[in-house]
Each structure stands twice: as structure tokens, then as C-alpha cells.
Amino acid sequence: MQNIYKLALDVQDASNPNGVINSLATVIMPAIREEPGYREQGTPYIYTHPAYILFIDKLVSMIPGCYTTDQSGVISAAYDRCHEKAQAVRS
């Protein structure tokens, strides 16, 4: 199983939206659906999942003239959480 948290961090350097979308659909989403939180909460769990948030933020940033702001700190928190989880999986 691929470390989706590391992938979410690595995708921040991506330049090909097709690759980002493909990874989101074929790696990230299936892995999230296997987590206990998804089985308990369903779709709302996805919307708050740190790997999902980073992937969506990356896709938005690839649209010319579009960007997200992180006034609420959601993206920063997702980045921090992915970093923590990526390190934990490697250990």
C-alpha cells in the first residue's frame, strides 16, 4: 500500500494536472475509503482528510489565475498532518 500522506506532500511539486487527477482517483480516494473514519462517517470524512485537501489545493493552484487562501489554516493543518503521518508510516 502506498503512503498517501507522502504522496500528498510530493504532489505539491507536480506540474501535470492529469497526473494529479489520476493519482487522486486511483490511489488517494481508494485508500481513504479503506480507513475506519470513512466507514464511520462516509463522504464528510473525505472533505476533511488531509491528503484530499492537499490534492484539491494543488489542483486549484494549477488553474491559471486561481489560488486558494489559507485564512482558516485548513491547508496548513493538512500539510502538517500529512507530514506527521508520512513520517509515522516510514517508521
C-alpha atoms as a PDB file:
ATOM      1  CA  MET A   1       0.000   0.000   0.000  1.00  0.00           C
ATOM      2  CA  GLN A   2       1.333   3.406  -0.971  1.00  0.00           C
ATOM      3  CA  ASN A   3       1.930   6.093   1.639  1.00  0.00           C
ATOM      4  CA  ILE A   4      -0.829   8.511   0.619  1.00  0.00           C
ATOM      5  CA  TYR A   5       0.406  11.143   3.037  1.00  0.00           C
ATOM      6  CA  LYS A   6       3.849  11.236   1.426  1.00  0.00           C
ATOM      7  CA  LEU A   7       2.201  11.283  -1.996  1.00  0.00           C
ATOM      8  CA  ALA A   8       0.088  14.278  -0.936  1.00  0.00           C
ATOM      9  CA  LEU A   9       3.280  16.102   0.049  1.00  0.00           C
ATOM     10  CA  ASP A  10       5.131  15.071  -3.114  1.00  0.00           C
ATOM     11  CA  VAL A  11       2.287  16.183  -5.385  1.00  0.00           C
ATOM     12  CA  GLN A  12       2.865  19.779  -4.292  1.00  0.00           C
ATOM     13  CA  ASP A  13       5.728  19.876  -6.831  1.00  0.00           C
ATOM     14  CA  ALA A  14       3.642  18.434  -9.673  1.00  0.00           C
ATOM     15  CA  SER A  15       3.148  20.263 -12.945  1.00  0.00           C
ATOM     16  CA  ASN A  16       0.871  17.833 -14.789  1.00  0.00           C
ATOM     17  CA  PRO A  17      -2.799  18.134 -13.787  1.00  0.00           C
ATOM     18  CA  ASN A  18      -3.620  14.833 -15.479  1.00  0.00           C
ATOM     19  CA  GLY A  19      -1.148  13.040 -13.214  1.00  0.00           C
ATOM     20  CA  VAL A  20      -2.566  14.747 -10.128  1.00  0.00           C
ATOM     21  CA  ILE A  21      -6.127  13.825 -11.062  1.00  0.00           C
ATOM     22  CA  ASN A  22      -5.122  10.245 -11.870  1.00  0.00           C
ATOM     23  CA  SER A  23      -3.321   9.823  -8.536  1.00  0.00           C
ATOM     24  CA  LEU A  24      -6.269  11.314  -6.674  1.00  0.00           C
ATOM     25  CA  ALA A  25      -8.706   8.940  -8.371  1.00  0.00           C
ATOM     26  CA  THR A  26      -6.650   5.734  -8.376  1.00  0.00           C
ATOM     27  CA  VAL A  27      -4.543   5.975  -5.215  1.00  0.00           C
ATOM     28  CA  ILE A  28      -5.807   8.576  -2.757  1.00  0.00           C
ATOM     29  CA  MET A  29      -9.572   8.043  -2.905  1.00  0.00           C
ATOM     30  CA  PRO A  30      -9.464   4.224  -2.684  1.00  0.00           C
ATOM     31  CA  ALA A  31      -7.056   4.425   0.276  1.00  0.00           C
ATOM     32  CA  ILE A  32      -9.240   6.952   2.101  1.00  0.00           C
ATOM     33  CA  ARG A  33     -12.281   4.731   1.579  1.00  0.00           C
ATOM     34  CA  GLU A  34     -10.429   1.921   3.366  1.00  0.00           C
ATOM     35  CA  GLU A  35      -9.864   3.985   6.511  1.00  0.00           C
ATOM     36  CA  PRO A  36     -12.131   3.423   9.532  1.00  0.00           C
ATOM     37  CA  GLY A  37     -13.138   7.106   9.557  1.00  0.00           C
ATOM     38  CA  TYR A  38     -14.658   6.784   6.104  1.00  0.00           C
ATOM     39  CA  ARG A  39     -16.593   3.676   7.073  1.00  0.00           C
ATOM     40  CA  GLU A  40     -17.961   5.556  10.097  1.00  0.00           C
ATOM     41  CA  GLN A  41     -18.613   8.987   8.553  1.00  0.00           C
ATOM     42  CA  GLY A  42     -18.777   8.499   4.789  1.00  0.00           C
ATOM     43  CA  THR A  43     -18.311  11.441   2.445  1.00  0.00           C
ATOM     44  CA  PRO A  44     -17.847  14.116   5.146  1.00  0.00           C
ATOM     45  CA  TYR A  45     -14.691  12.245   6.192  1.00  0.00           C
ATOM     46  CA  ILE A  46     -13.217  12.747   2.720  1.00  0.00           C
ATOM     47  CA  TYR A  47     -13.736  16.507   2.824  1.00  0.00           C
ATOM     48  CA  THR A  48     -11.606  16.828   5.946  1.00  0.00           C
ATOM     49  CA  HIS A  49      -8.945  14.270   5.036  1.00  0.00           C
ATOM     50  CA  PRO A  50      -5.510  15.943   4.880  1.00  0.00           C
ATOM     51  CA  ALA A  51      -4.343  14.108   1.748  1.00  0.00           C
ATOM     52  CA  TYR A  52      -7.560  15.031  -0.093  1.00  0.00           C
ATOM     53  CA  ILE A  53      -7.242  18.676   0.979  1.00  0.00           C
ATOM     54  CA  LEU A  54      -3.675  18.922  -0.323  1.00  0.00           C
ATOM     55  CA  PHE A  55      -4.592  17.308  -3.635  1.00  0.00           C
ATOM     56  CA  ILE A  56      -7.548  19.634  -4.171  1.00  0.00           C
ATOM     57  CA  ASP A  57      -5.466  22.665  -3.203  1.00  0.00           C
ATOM     58  CA  LYS A  58      -2.825  21.604  -5.738  1.00  0.00           C
ATOM     59  CA  LEU A  59      -5.406  21.218  -8.491  1.00  0.00           C
ATOM     60  CA  VAL A  60      -6.820  24.685  -7.800  1.00  0.00           C
ATOM     61  CA  SER A  61      -3.321  26.154  -7.952  1.00  0.00           C
ATOM     62  CA  MET A  62      -2.874  24.662 -11.444  1.00  0.00           C
ATOM     63  CA  ILE A  63      -5.721  26.741 -12.866  1.00  0.00           C
ATOM     64  CA  PRO A  64      -4.265  29.920 -14.368  1.00  0.00           C
ATOM     65  CA  GLY A  65      -5.216  32.899 -12.245  1.00  0.00           C
ATOM     66  CA  CYS A  66      -6.666  30.790  -9.426  1.00  0.00           C
ATOM     67  CA  TYR A  67      -5.334  30.300  -5.966  1.00  0.00           C
ATOM     68  CA  THR A  68      -6.588  29.463  -2.524  1.00  0.00           C
ATOM     69  CA  THR A  69      -6.067  31.384   0.647  1.00  0.00           C
ATOM     70  CA  ASP A  70      -5.487  29.651   3.923  1.00  0.00           C
ATOM     71  CA  GLN A  71      -7.113  32.171   6.223  1.00  0.00           C
ATOM     72  CA  SER A  72      -8.672  29.439   8.337  1.00  0.00           C
ATOM     73  CA  GLY A  73      -5.464  27.386   8.460  1.00  0.00           C
ATOM     74  CA  VAL A  74      -7.069  24.270   6.965  1.00  0.00           C
ATOM     75  CA  ILE A  75      -4.423  23.787   4.289  1.00  0.00           C
ATOM     76  CA  SER A  76      -1.523  24.389   6.686  1.00  0.00           C
ATOM     77  CA  ALA A  77      -3.035  21.936   9.147  1.00  0.00           C
ATOM     78  CA  ALA A  78      -3.482  19.360   6.365  1.00  0.00           C
ATOM     79  CA  TYR A  79       0.155  19.810   5.352  1.00  0.00           C
ATOM     80  CA  ASP A  80       1.328  19.365   8.948  1.00  0.00           C
ATOM     81  CA  ARG A  81      -0.872  16.292   9.427  1.00  0.00           C
ATOM     82  CA  CYS A  82       0.363  14.696   6.184  1.00  0.00           C
ATOM     83  CA  HIS A  83       3.944  15.357   7.226  1.00  0.00           C
ATOM     84  CA  GLU A  84       3.336  13.686  10.612  1.00  0.00           C
ATOM     85  CA  LYS A  85       1.530  10.713   9.078  1.00  0.00           C
ATOM     86  CA  ALA A  86       4.140  10.272   6.322  1.00  0.00           C
ATOM     87  CA  GLN A  87       6.878  10.108   8.949  1.00  0.00           C
ATOM     88  CA  ALA A  88       4.878   7.659  11.092  1.00  0.00           C
ATOM     89  CA  VAL A  89       4.316   5.292   8.161  1.00  0.00           C
ATOM     90  CA  ARG A  90       8.044   5.228   7.359  1.00  0.00           C
ATOM     91  CA  SER A  91       8.959   4.338  10.939  1.00  0.00           C
END
